[in-house]
Amino acid sequence: MPKITYIDASGTGRTVEAEVGSTVMETAIRNNVPGIEAECGGACACATCHVYVEEEWRAKTGEPSPMEEDMLDFGYDVRPNSRLSCQIKVTDELDGLVVRTPDKQA
């Protein structure tokens, strides 16, 4: 199973195992990772699962879709490496993925 590391705003990291085919958001919720609220349940209808993808992972996670970019407009402290974790599908290629959560969600 791929492993994903979530680093919160204070710098505390949590590494958890993820199921291939799930999303980075679903993995966070299943593992009680703080900083991911996911109010819409993964429907890409809010920005409460906002994460920053570490630079070395950006190519593998891909670019946000136009719909995701629209939702990111509602995010807090959006940066070039911002993504909604509900839109990142877990694959074997993402083993070792590192994402950071903002100090608050929108």
C-alpha atoms as a PDB file:
ATOM      1  CA  MET A   1       0.000   0.000   0.000  1.00  0.00           C
ATOM      2  CA  PRO A   2       1.293   3.474  -0.808  1.00  0.00           C
ATOM      3  CA  LYS A   3       2.243   5.675   2.115  1.00  0.00           C
ATOM      4  CA  ILE A   4       1.293   9.354   2.343  1.00  0.00           C
ATOM      5  CA  THR A   5       2.781  11.843   4.786  1.00  0.00           C
ATOM      6  CA  TYR A   6       0.621  14.740   5.961  1.00  0.00           C
ATOM      7  CA  ILE A   7       2.471  17.607   7.619  1.00  0.00           C
ATOM      8  CA  ASP A   8       0.373  20.070   9.581  1.00  0.00           C
ATOM      9  CA  ALA A   9       1.013  23.802   9.922  1.00  0.00           C
ATOM     10  CA  SER A  10       3.062  23.263  13.087  1.00  0.00           C
ATOM     11  CA  GLY A  11       5.388  20.851  11.246  1.00  0.00           C
ATOM     12  CA  THR A  12       4.082  17.610  12.759  1.00  0.00           C
ATOM     13  CA  GLY A  13       4.064  14.804  10.241  1.00  0.00           C
ATOM     14  CA  ARG A  14       1.857  11.726  10.109  1.00  0.00           C
ATOM     15  CA  THR A  15       2.551   8.907   7.666  1.00  0.00           C
ATOM     16  CA  VAL A  16      -0.343   6.595   6.869  1.00  0.00           C
ATOM     17  CA  GLU A  17      -1.092   3.808   4.416  1.00  0.00           C
ATOM     18  CA  ALA A  18      -3.507   4.565   1.585  1.00  0.00           C
ATOM     19  CA  GLU A  19      -5.647   2.315  -0.569  1.00  0.00           C
ATOM     20  CA  VAL A  20      -4.999   2.548  -4.297  1.00  0.00           C
ATOM     21  CA  GLY A  21      -8.064   4.111  -5.911  1.00  0.00           C
ATOM     22  CA  SER A  22      -9.038   6.174  -2.887  1.00  0.00           C
ATOM     23  CA  THR A  23      -8.212   9.869  -2.632  1.00  0.00           C
ATOM     24  CA  VAL A  24      -5.707  11.716  -0.493  1.00  0.00           C
ATOM     25  CA  MET A  25      -8.701  13.271   1.330  1.00  0.00           C
ATOM     26  CA  GLU A  26     -10.405   9.927   2.003  1.00  0.00           C
ATOM     27  CA  THR A  27      -7.133   8.569   3.354  1.00  0.00           C
ATOM     28  CA  ALA A  28      -6.798  11.550   5.696  1.00  0.00           C
ATOM     29  CA  ILE A  29     -10.363  11.176   6.994  1.00  0.00           C
ATOM     30  CA  ARG A  30      -9.971   7.405   7.523  1.00  0.00           C
ATOM     31  CA  ASN A  31      -6.815   8.026   9.529  1.00  0.00           C
ATOM     32  CA  ASN A  32      -8.062  11.027  11.547  1.00  0.00           C
ATOM     33  CA  VAL A  33      -5.441  13.351  10.070  1.00  0.00           C
ATOM     34  CA  PRO A  34      -5.993  16.832  11.499  1.00  0.00           C
ATOM     35  CA  GLY A  35      -6.280  19.796   9.149  1.00  0.00           C
ATOM     36  CA  ILE A  36      -8.514  18.097   6.553  1.00  0.00           C
ATOM     37  CA  GLU A  37     -12.161  18.999   7.171  1.00  0.00           C
ATOM     38  CA  ALA A  38     -13.727  17.743   3.916  1.00  0.00           C
ATOM     39  CA  GLU A  39     -17.097  19.376   4.526  1.00  0.00           C
ATOM     40  CA  CYS A  40     -18.491  18.373   1.112  1.00  0.00           C
ATOM     41  CA  GLY A  41     -17.340  14.775   1.441  1.00  0.00           C
ATOM     42  CA  GLY A  42     -15.118  14.866  -1.621  1.00  0.00           C
ATOM     43  CA  ALA A  43     -17.511  16.334  -4.183  1.00  0.00           C
ATOM     44  CA  CYS A  44     -15.155  19.181  -5.166  1.00  0.00           C
ATOM     45  CA  ALA A  45     -17.785  21.616  -3.867  1.00  0.00           C
ATOM     46  CA  CYS A  46     -15.749  23.349  -1.162  1.00  0.00           C
ATOM     47  CA  ALA A  47     -12.114  24.027  -0.313  1.00  0.00           C
ATOM     48  CA  THR A  48     -11.882  22.413   3.122  1.00  0.00           C
ATOM     49  CA  CYS A  49      -9.508  19.636   2.062  1.00  0.00           C
ATOM     50  CA  HIS A  50      -6.918  22.058   0.679  1.00  0.00           C
ATOM     51  CA  VAL A  51      -3.304  20.850   0.804  1.00  0.00           C
ATOM     52  CA  TYR A  52       0.064  21.966  -0.494  1.00  0.00           C
ATOM     53  CA  VAL A  53       1.753  19.288  -2.587  1.00  0.00           C
ATOM     54  CA  GLU A  54       5.510  19.168  -2.057  1.00  0.00           C
ATOM     55  CA  GLU A  55       7.330  20.348  -5.198  1.00  0.00           C
ATOM     56  CA  GLU A  56       8.908  16.988  -6.031  1.00  0.00           C
ATOM     57  CA  TRP A  57       5.410  15.434  -6.206  1.00  0.00           C
ATOM     58  CA  ARG A  58       3.625  18.034  -8.315  1.00  0.00           C
ATOM     59  CA  ALA A  59       4.248  16.310 -11.655  1.00  0.00           C
ATOM     60  CA  LYS A  60       2.937  12.975 -10.333  1.00  0.00           C
ATOM     61  CA  THR A  61      -0.191  14.452  -8.749  1.00  0.00           C
ATOM     62  CA  GLY A  62      -0.959  16.506 -11.859  1.00  0.00           C
ATOM     63  CA  GLU A  63      -2.495  19.903 -12.296  1.00  0.00           C
ATOM     64  CA  PRO A  64      -5.892  20.919 -10.920  1.00  0.00           C
ATOM     65  CA  SER A  65      -8.863  20.691 -13.246  1.00  0.00           C
ATOM     66  CA  PRO A  66     -10.755  23.902 -14.108  1.00  0.00           C
ATOM     67  CA  MET A  67     -13.466  22.944 -11.589  1.00  0.00           C
ATOM     68  CA  GLU A  68     -10.853  22.373  -8.876  1.00  0.00           C
ATOM     69  CA  GLU A  69      -9.219  25.719  -9.683  1.00  0.00           C
ATOM     70  CA  ASP A  70     -12.617  27.399  -9.234  1.00  0.00           C
ATOM     71  CA  MET A  71     -12.996  25.813  -5.799  1.00  0.00           C
ATOM     72  CA  LEU A  72      -9.442  26.749  -4.820  1.00  0.00           C
ATOM     73  CA  ASP A  73     -10.496  30.380  -5.251  1.00  0.00           C
ATOM     74  CA  PHE A  74     -12.334  29.897  -1.954  1.00  0.00           C
ATOM     75  CA  GLY A  75      -9.293  28.394  -0.229  1.00  0.00           C
ATOM     76  CA  TYR A  76      -7.154  30.018   2.425  1.00  0.00           C
ATOM     77  CA  ASP A  77      -3.589  31.013   1.468  1.00  0.00           C
ATOM     78  CA  VAL A  78      -3.699  29.378  -1.975  1.00  0.00           C
ATOM     79  CA  ARG A  79      -0.282  28.843  -3.563  1.00  0.00           C
ATOM     80  CA  PRO A  80       0.972  27.474  -6.901  1.00  0.00           C
ATOM     81  CA  ASN A  81       1.266  23.992  -5.332  1.00  0.00           C
ATOM     82  CA  SER A  82      -2.255  24.057  -3.842  1.00  0.00           C
ATOM     83  CA  ARG A  83      -4.604  21.162  -4.557  1.00  0.00           C
ATOM     84  CA  LEU A  84      -7.839  19.832  -3.154  1.00  0.00           C
ATOM     85  CA  SER A  85      -6.946  16.485  -1.642  1.00  0.00           C
ATOM     86  CA  CYS A  86     -10.315  15.058  -2.757  1.00  0.00           C
ATOM     87  CA  GLN A  87      -9.123  15.405  -6.341  1.00  0.00           C
ATOM     88  CA  ILE A  88      -5.843  13.496  -5.961  1.00  0.00           C
ATOM     89  CA  LYS A  89      -6.366   9.781  -6.624  1.00  0.00           C
ATOM     90  CA  VAL A  90      -3.986   7.437  -4.852  1.00  0.00           C
ATOM     91  CA  THR A  91      -1.879   5.282  -7.168  1.00  0.00           C
ATOM     92  CA  ASP A  92       1.186   3.129  -6.552  1.00  0.00           C
ATOM     93  CA  GLU A  93       3.228   5.962  -8.114  1.00  0.00           C
ATOM     94  CA  LEU A  94       2.254   8.204  -5.178  1.00  0.00           C
ATOM     95  CA  ASP A  95       3.981   5.987  -2.597  1.00  0.00           C
ATOM     96  CA  GLY A  96       5.878   8.464  -0.412  1.00  0.00           C
ATOM     97  CA  LEU A  97       3.717  11.479  -1.315  1.00  0.00           C
ATOM     98  CA  VAL A  98       4.118  14.432   1.049  1.00  0.00           C
ATOM     99  CA  VAL A  99       1.435  17.072   1.466  1.00  0.00           C
ATOM    100  CA  ARG A 100       1.121  19.933   3.926  1.00  0.00           C
ATOM    101  CA  THR A 101      -2.067  21.355   5.371  1.00  0.00           C
ATOM    102  CA  PRO A 102      -2.601  25.108   5.743  1.00  0.00           C
ATOM    103  CA  ASP A 103      -2.953  26.558   9.240  1.00  0.00           C
ATOM    104  CA  LYS A 104      -6.708  26.795   8.609  1.00  0.00           C
ATOM    105  CA  GLN A 105      -9.193  25.685   5.993  1.00  0.00           C
ATOM    106  CA  ALA A 106     -11.531  28.089   4.201  1.00  0.00           C
END
